[in-house]
Amino acid sequence: QVQLVESGGGLVQPGGSLRLSCAASRSINACDMGWYRQAPGKQRELVAAITSGGITNYADSVKGRCTISRDNAKNTVYLQMNSLKPEDTAVYYCNARYWRLGPRNDWGQGTQVTVSS
């Protein structure tokens, strides 16, 4: 498995920015990586994803405001979030998808993002 640890969350005012980091325990070169979020009472939803080849996609709600990137040399994926809105408030989770003795889907413990005045 790939152990994932998120960091960078916190309290930010509307319109502010945060940069989330996801540190993996080993190489993520062969992994498709993603950021998901879950607000209280809501289902977990995809925010952004980046394939092993560097192809990205974003939820419509964050397009133009978020950028996902990866640094394979550091076994780390990032989510830069700008122009944050109160509706962005959620626990943000890092996800890794890969094939190793079958399909794998690993998750971090999450980091809290709160957007509030």
PDB file of N, CA and C in Angstrom:
ATOM      1  N   GLN A   1       0.825  -1.181   0.000  1.00  0.00           N
ATOM      2  CA  GLN A   1       0.000   0.000   0.000  1.00  0.00           C
ATOM      3  C   GLN A   1       0.872   1.249   0.000  1.00  0.00           C
ATOM      4  N   VAL A   2       0.245   2.366  -0.327  1.00  0.00           N
ATOM      5  CA  VAL A   2       0.884   3.664  -0.263  1.00  0.00           C
ATOM      6  C   VAL A   2       0.260   4.419   0.899  1.00  0.00           C
ATOM      7  N   GLN A   3       1.085   4.794   1.864  1.00  0.00           N
ATOM      8  CA  GLN A   3       0.611   5.625   2.958  1.00  0.00           C
ATOM      9  C   GLN A   3       0.663   7.082   2.533  1.00  0.00           C
ATOM     10  N   LEU A   4      -0.408   7.806   2.804  1.00  0.00           N
ATOM     11  CA  LEU A   4      -0.552   9.187   2.376  1.00  0.00           C
ATOM     12  C   LEU A   4      -0.834  10.064   3.585  1.00  0.00           C
ATOM     13  N   VAL A   5      -0.148  11.198   3.661  1.00  0.00           N
ATOM     14  CA  VAL A   5      -0.325  12.137   4.758  1.00  0.00           C
ATOM     15  C   VAL A   5      -0.562  13.520   4.185  1.00  0.00           C
ATOM     16  N   GLU A   6      -1.735  14.074   4.463  1.00  0.00           N
ATOM     17  CA  GLU A   6      -2.079  15.406   3.989  1.00  0.00           C
ATOM     18  C   GLU A   6      -1.655  16.462   5.002  1.00  0.00           C
ATOM     19  N   SER A   7      -1.369  17.647   4.499  1.00  0.00           N
ATOM     20  CA  SER A   7      -1.052  18.783   5.351  1.00  0.00           C
ATOM     21  C   SER A   7      -1.386  20.065   4.608  1.00  0.00           C
ATOM     22  N   GLY A   8      -1.394  21.168   5.329  1.00  0.00           N
ATOM     23  CA  GLY A   8      -1.599  22.468   4.722  1.00  0.00           C
ATOM     24  C   GLY A   8      -2.972  23.063   4.925  1.00  0.00           C
ATOM     25  N   GLY A   9      -3.876  22.309   5.526  1.00  0.00           N
ATOM     26  CA  GLY A   9      -5.195  22.841   5.786  1.00  0.00           C
ATOM     27  C   GLY A   9      -5.174  23.860   6.905  1.00  0.00           C
ATOM     28  N   GLY A  10      -6.304  24.511   7.090  1.00  0.00           N
ATOM     29  CA  GLY A  10      -6.413  25.506   8.133  1.00  0.00           C
ATOM     30  C   GLY A  10      -7.587  26.420   7.906  1.00  0.00           C
ATOM     31  N   LEU A  11      -7.603  27.502   8.663  1.00  0.00           N
ATOM     32  CA  LEU A  11      -8.656  28.508   8.574  1.00  0.00           C
ATOM     33  C   LEU A  11      -8.204  29.629   7.662  1.00  0.00           C
ATOM     34  N   VAL A  12      -9.034  29.972   6.706  1.00  0.00           N
ATOM     35  CA  VAL A  12      -8.718  31.032   5.762  1.00  0.00           C
ATOM     36  C   VAL A  12      -9.974  31.848   5.488  1.00  0.00           C
ATOM     37  N   GLN A  13      -9.797  33.126   5.233  1.00  0.00           N
ATOM     38  CA  GLN A  13     -10.926  33.990   4.918  1.00  0.00           C
ATOM     39  C   GLN A  13     -11.386  33.782   3.479  1.00  0.00           C
ATOM     40  N   PRO A  14     -12.655  34.047   3.204  1.00  0.00           N
ATOM     41  CA  PRO A  14     -13.107  33.988   1.816  1.00  0.00           C
ATOM     42  C   PRO A  14     -12.222  34.846   0.917  1.00  0.00           C
ATOM     43  N   GLY A  15     -11.896  34.303  -0.235  1.00  0.00           N
ATOM     44  CA  GLY A  15     -10.993  34.967  -1.157  1.00  0.00           C
ATOM     45  C   GLY A  15      -9.532  34.638  -0.939  1.00  0.00           C
ATOM     46  N   GLY A  16      -9.230  33.955   0.144  1.00  0.00           N
ATOM     47  CA  GLY A  16      -7.863  33.599   0.449  1.00  0.00           C
ATOM     48  C   GLY A  16      -7.396  32.361  -0.289  1.00  0.00           C
ATOM     49  N   SER A  17      -6.181  31.936   0.036  1.00  0.00           N
ATOM     50  CA  SER A  17      -5.548  30.813  -0.645  1.00  0.00           C
ATOM     51  C   SER A  17      -4.943  29.846   0.352  1.00  0.00           C
ATOM     52  N   LEU A  18      -4.871  28.588  -0.056  1.00  0.00           N
ATOM     53  CA  LEU A  18      -4.188  27.549   0.693  1.00  0.00           C
ATOM     54  C   LEU A  18      -3.495  26.625  -0.290  1.00  0.00           C
ATOM     55  N   ARG A  19      -2.415  26.041   0.168  1.00  0.00           N
ATOM     56  CA  ARG A  19      -1.719  25.021  -0.600  1.00  0.00           C
ATOM     57  C   ARG A  19      -1.666  23.747   0.222  1.00  0.00           C
ATOM     58  N   LEU A  20      -2.362  22.729  -0.238  1.00  0.00           N
ATOM     59  CA  LEU A  20      -2.374  21.443   0.424  1.00  0.00           C
ATOM     60  C   LEU A  20      -1.280  20.554  -0.143  1.00  0.00           C
ATOM     61  N   SER A  21      -0.701  19.738   0.719  1.00  0.00           N
ATOM     62  CA  SER A  21       0.323  18.796   0.310  1.00  0.00           C
ATOM     63  C   SER A  21      -0.084  17.389   0.711  1.00  0.00           C
ATOM     64  N   CYS A  22       0.302  16.435  -0.096  1.00  0.00           N
ATOM     65  CA  CYS A  22       0.077  15.021   0.183  1.00  0.00           C
ATOM     66  C   CYS A  22       1.393  14.304   0.003  1.00  0.00           C
ATOM     67  N   ALA A  23       1.953  13.833   1.096  1.00  0.00           N
ATOM     68  CA  ALA A  23       3.228  13.130   1.075  1.00  0.00           C
ATOM     69  C   ALA A  23       2.990  11.631   1.097  1.00  0.00           C
ATOM     70  N   ALA A  24       3.578  10.931   0.148  1.00  0.00           N
ATOM     71  CA  ALA A  24       3.422   9.496   0.028  1.00  0.00           C
ATOM     72  C   ALA A  24       4.635   8.771   0.594  1.00  0.00           C
ATOM     73  N   SER A  25       4.409   7.552   1.057  1.00  0.00           N
ATOM     74  CA  SER A  25       5.460   6.780   1.703  1.00  0.00           C
ATOM     75  C   SER A  25       6.449   6.171   0.727  1.00  0.00           C
ATOM     76  N   ARG A  26       6.086   6.127  -0.521  1.00  0.00           N
ATOM     77  CA  ARG A  26       6.970   5.583  -1.527  1.00  0.00           C
ATOM     78  C   ARG A  26       6.653   6.215  -2.872  1.00  0.00           C
ATOM     79  N   SER A  27       7.284   5.733  -3.912  1.00  0.00           N
ATOM     80  CA  SER A  27       7.111   6.301  -5.239  1.00  0.00           C
ATOM     81  C   SER A  27       5.647   6.305  -5.665  1.00  0.00           C
ATOM     82  N   ILE A  28       5.240   7.425  -6.232  1.00  0.00           N
ATOM     83  CA  ILE A  28       3.891   7.548  -6.780  1.00  0.00           C
ATOM     84  C   ILE A  28       3.930   7.668  -8.298  1.00  0.00           C
ATOM     85  N   ASN A  29       5.054   7.320  -8.887  1.00  0.00           N
ATOM     86  CA  ASN A  29       5.220   7.490 -10.330  1.00  0.00           C
ATOM     87  C   ASN A  29       4.122   6.798 -11.127  1.00  0.00           C
ATOM     88  N   ALA A  30       3.719   5.619 -10.670  1.00  0.00           N
ATOM     89  CA  ALA A  30       2.734   4.823 -11.396  1.00  0.00           C
ATOM     90  C   ALA A  30       1.311   5.060 -10.916  1.00  0.00           C
ATOM     91  N   CYS A  31       1.120   6.029 -10.038  1.00  0.00           N
ATOM     92  CA  CYS A  31      -0.183   6.275  -9.441  1.00  0.00           C
ATOM     93  C   CYS A  31      -0.907   7.429 -10.109  1.00  0.00           C
ATOM     94  N   ASP A  32      -2.199   7.259 -10.300  1.00  0.00           N
ATOM     95  CA  ASP A  32      -3.076   8.396 -10.552  1.00  0.00           C
ATOM     96  C   ASP A  32      -3.449   8.980  -9.192  1.00  0.00           C
ATOM     97  N   MET A  33      -3.280  10.278  -9.035  1.00  0.00           N
ATOM     98  CA  MET A  33      -3.480  10.930  -7.759  1.00  0.00           C
ATOM     99  C   MET A  33      -4.687  11.858  -7.817  1.00  0.00           C
ATOM    100  N   GLY A  34      -5.337  12.007  -6.680  1.00  0.00           N
ATOM    101  CA  GLY A  34      -6.487  12.887  -6.632  1.00  0.00           C
ATOM    102  C   GLY A  34      -6.669  13.527  -5.277  1.00  0.00           C
ATOM    103  N   TRP A  35      -7.370  14.646  -5.293  1.00  0.00           N
ATOM    104  CA  TRP A  35      -7.831  15.296  -4.085  1.00  0.00           C
ATOM    105  C   TRP A  35      -9.345  15.225  -4.048  1.00  0.00           C
ATOM    106  N   TYR A  36      -9.869  14.754  -2.945  1.00  0.00           N
ATOM    107  CA  TYR A  36     -11.301  14.703  -2.695  1.00  0.00           C
ATOM    108  C   TYR A  36     -11.618  15.530  -1.461  1.00  0.00           C
ATOM    109  N   ARG A  37     -12.874  15.878  -1.305  1.00  0.00           N
ATOM    110  CA  ARG A  37     -13.282  16.581  -0.105  1.00  0.00           C
ATOM    111  C   ARG A  37     -14.634  16.076   0.361  1.00  0.00           C
ATOM    112  N   GLN A  38     -14.858  16.206   1.648  1.00  0.00           N
ATOM    113  CA  GLN A  38     -16.114  15.789   2.238  1.00  0.00           C
ATOM    114  C   GLN A  38     -16.512  16.779   3.320  1.00  0.00           C
ATOM    115  N   ALA A  39     -17.651  17.395   3.126  1.00  0.00           N
ATOM    116  CA  ALA A  39     -18.225  18.289   4.114  1.00  0.00           C
ATOM    117  C   ALA A  39     -19.193  17.509   4.988  1.00  0.00           C
ATOM    118  N   PRO A  40     -19.457  17.985   6.210  1.00  0.00           N
ATOM    119  CA  PRO A  40     -20.403  17.283   7.083  1.00  0.00           C
ATOM    120  C   PRO A  40     -21.751  17.073   6.408  1.00  0.00           C
ATOM    121  N   GLY A  41     -22.246  15.848   6.472  1.00  0.00           N
ATOM    122  CA  GLY A  41     -23.525  15.522   5.880  1.00  0.00           C
ATOM    123  C   GLY A  41     -23.518  15.371   4.376  1.00  0.00           C
ATOM    124  N   LYS A  42     -22.359  15.474   3.756  1.00  0.00           N
ATOM    125  CA  LYS A  42     -22.252  15.381   2.312  1.00  0.00           C
ATOM    126  C   LYS A  42     -21.387  14.189   1.921  1.00  0.00           C
ATOM    127  N   GLN A  43     -21.573  13.718   0.697  1.00  0.00           N
ATOM    128  CA  GLN A  43     -20.741  12.649   0.173  1.00  0.00           C
ATOM    129  C   GLN A  43     -19.376  13.185  -0.233  1.00  0.00           C
ATOM    130  N   ARG A  44     -18.404  12.308  -0.198  1.00  0.00           N
ATOM    131  CA  ARG A  44     -17.077  12.676  -0.658  1.00  0.00           C
ATOM    132  C   ARG A  44     -17.116  12.926  -2.164  1.00  0.00           C
ATOM    133  N   GLU A  45     -16.479  13.999  -2.590  1.00  0.00           N
ATOM    134  CA  GLU A  45     -16.491  14.362  -3.994  1.00  0.00           C
ATOM    135  C   GLU A  45     -15.091  14.659  -4.493  1.00  0.00           C
ATOM    136  N   LEU A  46     -14.888  14.393  -5.763  1.00  0.00           N
ATOM    137  CA  LEU A  46     -13.609  14.682  -6.399  1.00  0.00           C
ATOM    138  C   LEU A  46     -13.443  16.181  -6.572  1.00  0.00           C
ATOM    139  N   VAL A  47     -12.280  16.685  -6.197  1.00  0.00           N
ATOM    140  CA  VAL A  47     -11.921  18.074  -6.424  1.00  0.00           C
ATOM    141  C   VAL A  47     -11.023  18.197  -7.649  1.00  0.00           C
ATOM    142  N   ALA A  48      -9.963  17.419  -7.674  1.00  0.00           N
ATOM    143  CA  ALA A  48      -9.002  17.468  -8.764  1.00  0.00           C
ATOM    144  C   ALA A  48      -8.264  16.151  -8.840  1.00  0.00           C
ATOM    145  N   ALA A  49      -7.802  15.814 -10.028  1.00  0.00           N
ATOM    146  CA  ALA A  49      -7.054  14.583 -10.229  1.00  0.00           C
ATOM    147  C   ALA A  49      -5.934  14.829 -11.221  1.00  0.00           C
ATOM    148  N   ILE A  50      -4.881  14.052 -11.077  1.00  0.00           N
ATOM    149  CA  ILE A  50      -3.766  14.111 -12.008  1.00  0.00           C
ATOM    150  C   ILE A  50      -3.284  12.692 -12.245  1.00  0.00           C
ATOM    151  N   THR A  51      -3.182  12.312 -13.506  1.00  0.00           N
ATOM    152  CA  THR A  51      -2.768  10.962 -13.843  1.00  0.00           C
ATOM    153  C   THR A  51      -1.269  10.816 -13.696  1.00  0.00           C
ATOM    154  N   SER A  52      -0.817   9.572 -13.787  1.00  0.00           N
ATOM    155  CA  SER A  52       0.618   9.319 -13.738  1.00  0.00           C
ATOM    156  C   SER A  52       1.356  10.032 -14.859  1.00  0.00           C
ATOM    157  N   GLY A  53       0.663  10.302 -15.956  1.00  0.00           N
ATOM    158  CA  GLY A  53       1.245  11.022 -17.070  1.00  0.00           C
ATOM    159  C   GLY A  53       1.113  12.527 -16.996  1.00  0.00           C
ATOM    160  N   GLY A  54       0.485  13.036 -15.938  1.00  0.00           N
ATOM    161  CA  GLY A  54       0.394  14.470 -15.748  1.00  0.00           C
ATOM    162  C   GLY A  54      -0.866  15.116 -16.290  1.00  0.00           C
ATOM    163  N   ILE A  55      -1.824  14.324 -16.735  1.00  0.00           N
ATOM    164  CA  ILE A  55      -3.080  14.873 -17.219  1.00  0.00           C
ATOM    165  C   ILE A  55      -3.975  15.217 -16.033  1.00  0.00           C
ATOM    166  N   THR A  56      -4.554  16.403 -16.045  1.00  0.00           N
ATOM    167  CA  THR A  56      -5.361  16.880 -14.929  1.00  0.00           C
ATOM    168  C   THR A  56      -6.819  17.026 -15.305  1.00  0.00           C
ATOM    169  N   ASN A  57      -7.667  16.936 -14.307  1.00  0.00           N
ATOM    170  CA  ASN A  57      -9.058  17.301 -14.463  1.00  0.00           C
ATOM    171  C   ASN A  57      -9.576  17.822 -13.130  1.00  0.00           C
ATOM    172  N   TYR A  58     -10.636  18.643 -13.208  1.00  0.00           N
ATOM    173  CA  TYR A  58     -11.133  19.343 -12.039  1.00  0.00           C
ATOM    174  C   TYR A  58     -12.640  19.288 -11.987  1.00  0.00           C
ATOM    175  N   ALA A  59     -13.152  19.333 -10.776  1.00  0.00           N
ATOM    176  CA  ALA A  59     -14.575  19.527 -10.613  1.00  0.00           C
ATOM    177  C   ALA A  59     -14.963  20.900 -11.136  1.00  0.00           C
ATOM    178  N   ASP A  60     -16.158  20.997 -11.702  1.00  0.00           N
ATOM    179  CA  ASP A  60     -16.606  22.275 -12.244  1.00  0.00           C
ATOM    180  C   ASP A  60     -16.585  23.375 -11.187  1.00  0.00           C
ATOM    181  N   SER A  61     -16.843  23.012  -9.948  1.00  0.00           N
ATOM    182  CA  SER A  61     -16.937  23.994  -8.888  1.00  0.00           C
ATOM    183  C   SER A  61     -15.603  24.652  -8.548  1.00  0.00           C
ATOM    184  N   VAL A  62     -14.497  24.051  -8.955  1.00  0.00           N
ATOM    185  CA  VAL A  62     -13.188  24.607  -8.613  1.00  0.00           C
ATOM    186  C   VAL A  62     -12.366  24.983  -9.832  1.00  0.00           C
ATOM    187  N   LYS A  63     -12.878  24.756 -11.019  1.00  0.00           N
ATOM    188  CA  LYS A  63     -12.130  25.094 -12.224  1.00  0.00           C
ATOM    189  C   LYS A  63     -11.786  26.583 -12.239  1.00  0.00           C
ATOM    190  N   GLY A  64     -10.545  26.867 -12.526  1.00  0.00           N
ATOM    191  CA  GLY A  64     -10.067  28.233 -12.536  1.00  0.00           C
ATOM    192  C   GLY A  64      -9.576  28.721 -11.200  1.00  0.00           C
ATOM    193  N   ARG A  65      -9.848  27.990 -10.133  1.00  0.00           N
ATOM    194  CA  ARG A  65      -9.443  28.395  -8.795  1.00  0.00           C
ATOM    195  C   ARG A  65      -8.422  27.446  -8.179  1.00  0.00           C
ATOM    196  N   CYS A  66      -8.374  26.223  -8.674  1.00  0.00           N
ATOM    197  CA  CYS A  66      -7.498  25.209  -8.097  1.00  0.00           C
ATOM    198  C   CYS A  66      -6.545  24.649  -9.143  1.00  0.00           C
ATOM    199  N   THR A  67      -5.371  24.280  -8.678  1.00  0.00           N
ATOM    200  CA  THR A  67      -4.380  23.656  -9.536  1.00  0.00           C
ATOM    201  C   THR A  67      -3.779  22.465  -8.803  1.00  0.00           C
ATOM    202  N   ILE A  68      -3.871  21.293  -9.405  1.00  0.00           N
ATOM    203  CA  ILE A  68      -3.236  20.110  -8.857  1.00  0.00           C
ATOM    204  C   ILE A  68      -1.914  19.891  -9.578  1.00  0.00           C
ATOM    205  N   SER A  69      -0.911  19.486  -8.832  1.00  0.00           N
ATOM    206  CA  SER A  69       0.394  19.229  -9.414  1.00  0.00           C
ATOM    207  C   SER A  69       1.062  18.097  -8.652  1.00  0.00           C
ATOM    208  N   ARG A  70       2.109  17.564  -9.234  1.00  0.00           N
ATOM    209  CA  ARG A  70       2.829  16.485  -8.572  1.00  0.00           C
ATOM    210  C   ARG A  70       4.324  16.667  -8.741  1.00  0.00           C
ATOM    211  N   ASP A  71       5.049  16.230  -7.744  1.00  0.00           N
ATOM    212  CA  ASP A  71       6.499  16.217  -7.773  1.00  0.00           C
ATOM    213  C   ASP A  71       6.906  14.793  -7.439  1.00  0.00           C
ATOM    214  N   ASN A  72       7.094  13.992  -8.466  1.00  0.00           N
ATOM    215  CA  ASN A  72       7.380  12.578  -8.248  1.00  0.00           C
ATOM    216  C   ASN A  72       8.691  12.358  -7.506  1.00  0.00           C
ATOM    217  N   ALA A  73       9.657  13.254  -7.708  1.00  0.00           N
ATOM    218  CA  ALA A  73      10.931  13.123  -7.015  1.00  0.00           C
ATOM    219  C   ALA A  73      10.763  13.249  -5.511  1.00  0.00           C
ATOM    220  N   LYS A  74       9.737  13.977  -5.081  1.00  0.00           N
ATOM    221  CA  LYS A  74       9.451  14.157  -3.663  1.00  0.00           C
ATOM    222  C   LYS A  74       8.300  13.288  -3.176  1.00  0.00           C
ATOM    223  N   ASN A  75       7.764  12.449  -4.056  1.00  0.00           N
ATOM    224  CA  ASN A  75       6.617  11.599  -3.721  1.00  0.00           C
ATOM    225  C   ASN A  75       5.471  12.431  -3.146  1.00  0.00           C
ATOM    226  N   THR A  76       5.206  13.560  -3.760  1.00  0.00           N
ATOM    227  CA  THR A  76       4.260  14.514  -3.209  1.00  0.00           C
ATOM    228  C   THR A  76       3.342  15.062  -4.298  1.00  0.00           C
ATOM    229  N   VAL A  77       2.093  15.238  -3.936  1.00  0.00           N
ATOM    230  CA  VAL A  77       1.126  15.900  -4.795  1.00  0.00           C
ATOM    231  C   VAL A  77       0.584  17.111  -4.051  1.00  0.00           C
ATOM    232  N   TYR A  78       0.264  18.167  -4.789  1.00  0.00           N
ATOM    233  CA  TYR A  78      -0.171  19.414  -4.210  1.00  0.00           C
ATOM    234  C   TYR A  78      -1.524  19.827  -4.764  1.00  0.00           C
ATOM    235  N   LEU A  79      -2.215  20.615  -3.983  1.00  0.00           N
ATOM    236  CA  LEU A  79      -3.426  21.276  -4.448  1.00  0.00           C
ATOM    237  C   LEU A  79      -3.352  22.736  -4.033  1.00  0.00           C
ATOM    238  N   GLN A  80      -3.156  23.609  -5.002  1.00  0.00           N
ATOM    239  CA  GLN A  80      -3.182  25.037  -4.764  1.00  0.00           C
ATOM    240  C   GLN A  80      -4.610  25.523  -4.934  1.00  0.00           C
ATOM    241  N   MET A  81      -5.147  26.154  -3.912  1.00  0.00           N
ATOM    242  CA  MET A  81      -6.516  26.635  -3.930  1.00  0.00           C
ATOM    243  C   MET A  81      -6.520  28.140  -3.728  1.00  0.00           C
ATOM    244  N   ASN A  82      -7.118  28.844  -4.663  1.00  0.00           N
ATOM    245  CA  ASN A  82      -7.226  30.289  -4.616  1.00  0.00           C
ATOM    246  C   ASN A  82      -8.692  30.704  -4.621  1.00  0.00           C
ATOM    247  N   SER A  83      -8.916  31.957  -4.290  1.00  0.00           N
ATOM    248  CA  SER A  83     -10.275  32.508  -4.294  1.00  0.00           C
ATOM    249  C   SER A  83     -11.239  31.600  -3.552  1.00  0.00           C
ATOM    250  N   LEU A  84     -10.848  31.196  -2.376  1.00  0.00           N
ATOM    251  CA  LEU A  84     -11.627  30.222  -1.623  1.00  0.00           C
ATOM    252  C   LEU A  84     -12.972  30.790  -1.192  1.00  0.00           C
ATOM    253  N   LYS A  85     -13.952  29.911  -1.163  1.00  0.00           N
ATOM    254  CA  LYS A  85     -15.319  30.252  -0.810  1.00  0.00           C
ATOM    255  C   LYS A  85     -15.747  29.436   0.405  1.00  0.00           C
ATOM    256  N   PRO A  86     -16.735  29.927   1.152  1.00  0.00           N
ATOM    257  CA  PRO A  86     -17.214  29.142   2.293  1.00  0.00           C
ATOM    258  C   PRO A  86     -17.630  27.726   1.911  1.00  0.00           C
ATOM    259  N   GLU A  87     -18.168  27.534   0.722  1.00  0.00           N
ATOM    260  CA  GLU A  87     -18.583  26.207   0.295  1.00  0.00           C
ATOM    261  C   GLU A  87     -17.417  25.271   0.018  1.00  0.00           C
ATOM    262  N   ASP A  88     -16.194  25.784   0.048  1.00  0.00           N
ATOM    263  CA  ASP A  88     -15.014  24.935  -0.048  1.00  0.00           C
ATOM    264  C   ASP A  88     -14.664  24.282   1.281  1.00  0.00           C
ATOM    265  N   THR A  89     -15.337  24.676   2.341  1.00  0.00           N
ATOM    266  CA  THR A  89     -15.066  24.118   3.658  1.00  0.00           C
ATOM    267  C   THR A  89     -15.347  22.620   3.671  1.00  0.00           C
ATOM    268  N   ALA A  90     -14.355  21.840   4.047  1.00  0.00           N
ATOM    269  CA  ALA A  90     -14.474  20.386   4.050  1.00  0.00           C
ATOM    270  C   ALA A  90     -13.181  19.790   4.574  1.00  0.00           C
ATOM    271  N   VAL A  91     -13.213  18.497   4.808  1.00  0.00           N
ATOM    272  CA  VAL A  91     -11.990  17.740   5.008  1.00  0.00           C
ATOM    273  C   VAL A  91     -11.507  17.293   3.645  1.00  0.00           C
ATOM    274  N   TYR A  92     -10.261  17.577   3.345  1.00  0.00           N
ATOM    275  CA  TYR A  92      -9.685  17.254   2.052  1.00  0.00           C
ATOM    276  C   TYR A  92      -8.805  16.023   2.179  1.00  0.00           C
ATOM    277  N   TYR A  93      -9.042  15.055   1.302  1.00  0.00           N
ATOM    278  CA  TYR A  93      -8.354  13.777   1.333  1.00  0.00           C
ATOM    279  C   TYR A  93      -7.538  13.560   0.073  1.00  0.00           C
ATOM    280  N   CYS A  94      -6.382  12.999   0.247  1.00  0.00           N
ATOM    281  CA  CYS A  94      -5.536  12.600  -0.865  1.00  0.00           C
ATOM    282  C   CYS A  94      -5.825  11.150  -1.221  1.00  0.00           C
ATOM    283  N   ASN A  95      -5.788  10.839  -2.502  1.00  0.00           N
ATOM    284  CA  ASN A  95      -6.092   9.507  -2.999  1.00  0.00           C
ATOM    285  C   ASN A  95      -5.039   9.069  -4.002  1.00  0.00           C
ATOM    286  N   ALA A  96      -4.686   7.795  -3.944  1.00  0.00           N
ATOM    287  CA  ALA A  96      -3.773   7.196  -4.905  1.00  0.00           C
ATOM    288  C   ALA A  96      -4.414   5.960  -5.501  1.00  0.00           C
ATOM    289  N   ARG A  97      -4.405   5.884  -6.814  1.00  0.00           N
ATOM    290  CA  ARG A  97      -4.919   4.725  -7.544  1.00  0.00           C
ATOM    291  C   ARG A  97      -3.794   4.105  -8.352  1.00  0.00           C
ATOM    292  N   TYR A  98      -3.688   2.788  -8.265  1.00  0.00           N
ATOM    293  CA  TYR A  98      -2.624   2.092  -8.962  1.00  0.00           C
ATOM    294  C   TYR A  98      -2.951   0.617  -9.014  1.00  0.00           C
ATOM    295  N   TRP A  99      -2.172  -0.106  -9.807  1.00  0.00           N
ATOM    296  CA  TRP A  99      -2.348  -1.535  -9.936  1.00  0.00           C
ATOM    297  C   TRP A  99      -1.181  -2.246  -9.272  1.00  0.00           C
ATOM    298  N   ARG A 100      -1.467  -3.034  -8.279  1.00  0.00           N
ATOM    299  CA  ARG A 100      -0.469  -3.863  -7.631  1.00  0.00           C
ATOM    300  C   ARG A 100      -1.185  -5.059  -7.022  1.00  0.00           C
ATOM    301  N   LEU A 101      -1.042  -6.206  -7.684  1.00  0.00           N
ATOM    302  CA  LEU A 101      -1.776  -7.412  -7.299  1.00  0.00           C
ATOM    303  C   LEU A 101      -3.269  -7.130  -7.281  1.00  0.00           C
ATOM    304  N   GLY A 102      -3.711  -6.395  -8.268  1.00  0.00           N
ATOM    305  CA  GLY A 102      -5.086  -5.975  -8.358  1.00  0.00           C
ATOM    306  C   GLY A 102      -5.210  -4.474  -8.215  1.00  0.00           C
ATOM    307  N   PRO A 103      -6.401  -3.945  -8.452  1.00  0.00           N
ATOM    308  CA  PRO A 103      -6.605  -2.499  -8.345  1.00  0.00           C
ATOM    309  C   PRO A 103      -6.510  -2.037  -6.900  1.00  0.00           C
ATOM    310  N   ARG A 104      -5.842  -0.911  -6.704  1.00  0.00           N
ATOM    311  CA  ARG A 104      -5.659  -0.358  -5.363  1.00  0.00           C
ATOM    312  C   ARG A 104      -6.183   1.065  -5.316  1.00  0.00           C
ATOM    313  N   ASN A 105      -6.640   1.444  -4.151  1.00  0.00           N
ATOM    314  CA  ASN A 105      -7.212   2.760  -3.934  1.00  0.00           C
ATOM    315  C   ASN A 105      -6.924   3.151  -2.486  1.00  0.00           C
ATOM    316  N   ASP A 106      -5.884   3.946  -2.281  1.00  0.00           N
ATOM    317  CA  ASP A 106      -5.426   4.303  -0.944  1.00  0.00           C
ATOM    318  C   ASP A 106      -5.791   5.741  -0.607  1.00  0.00           C
ATOM    319  N   TRP A 107      -6.045   5.985   0.669  1.00  0.00           N
ATOM    320  CA  TRP A 107      -6.493   7.281   1.148  1.00  0.00           C
ATOM    321  C   TRP A 107      -5.651   7.754   2.317  1.00  0.00           C
ATOM    322  N   GLY A 108      -5.468   9.068   2.403  1.00  0.00           N
ATOM    323  CA  GLY A 108      -4.891   9.670   3.586  1.00  0.00           C
ATOM    324  C   GLY A 108      -5.953   9.912   4.633  1.00  0.00           C
ATOM    325  N   GLN A 109      -5.536  10.487   5.757  1.00  0.00           N
ATOM    326  CA  GLN A 109      -6.451  10.741   6.863  1.00  0.00           C
ATOM    327  C   GLN A 109      -7.218  12.045   6.724  1.00  0.00           C
ATOM    328  N   GLY A 110      -6.763  12.916   5.856  1.00  0.00           N
ATOM    329  CA  GLY A 110      -7.469  14.152   5.592  1.00  0.00           C
ATOM    330  C   GLY A 110      -6.899  15.341   6.340  1.00  0.00           C
ATOM    331  N   THR A 111      -7.150  16.518   5.791  1.00  0.00           N
ATOM    332  CA  THR A 111      -6.784  17.771   6.427  1.00  0.00           C
ATOM    333  C   THR A 111      -7.959  18.738   6.308  1.00  0.00           C
ATOM    334  N   GLN A 112      -8.256  19.420   7.398  1.00  0.00           N
ATOM    335  CA  GLN A 112      -9.427  20.283   7.461  1.00  0.00           C
ATOM    336  C   GLN A 112      -9.145  21.627   6.805  1.00  0.00           C
ATOM    337  N   VAL A 113     -10.048  22.041   5.941  1.00  0.00           N
ATOM    338  CA  VAL A 113     -10.028  23.377   5.353  1.00  0.00           C
ATOM    339  C   VAL A 113     -11.309  24.078   5.759  1.00  0.00           C
ATOM    340  N   THR A 114     -11.167  25.219   6.395  1.00  0.00           N
ATOM    341  CA  THR A 114     -12.314  26.013   6.807  1.00  0.00           C
ATOM    342  C   THR A 114     -12.195  27.402   6.209  1.00  0.00           C
ATOM    343  N   VAL A 115     -13.196  27.799   5.444  1.00  0.00           N
ATOM    344  CA  VAL A 115     -13.226  29.111   4.809  1.00  0.00           C
ATOM    345  C   VAL A 115     -14.332  29.908   5.478  1.00  0.00           C
ATOM    346  N   SER A 116     -13.944  30.894   6.246  1.00  0.00           N
ATOM    347  CA  SER A 116     -14.906  31.642   7.035  1.00  0.00           C
ATOM    348  C   SER A 116     -14.337  32.994   7.413  1.00  0.00           C
ATOM    349  N   SER A 117     -15.227  33.966   7.569  1.00  0.00           N
ATOM    350  CA  SER A 117     -14.839  35.262   8.078  1.00  0.00           C
ATOM    351  C   SER A 117     -14.761  35.257   9.599  1.00  0.00           C
TER     352      SER A 117
END
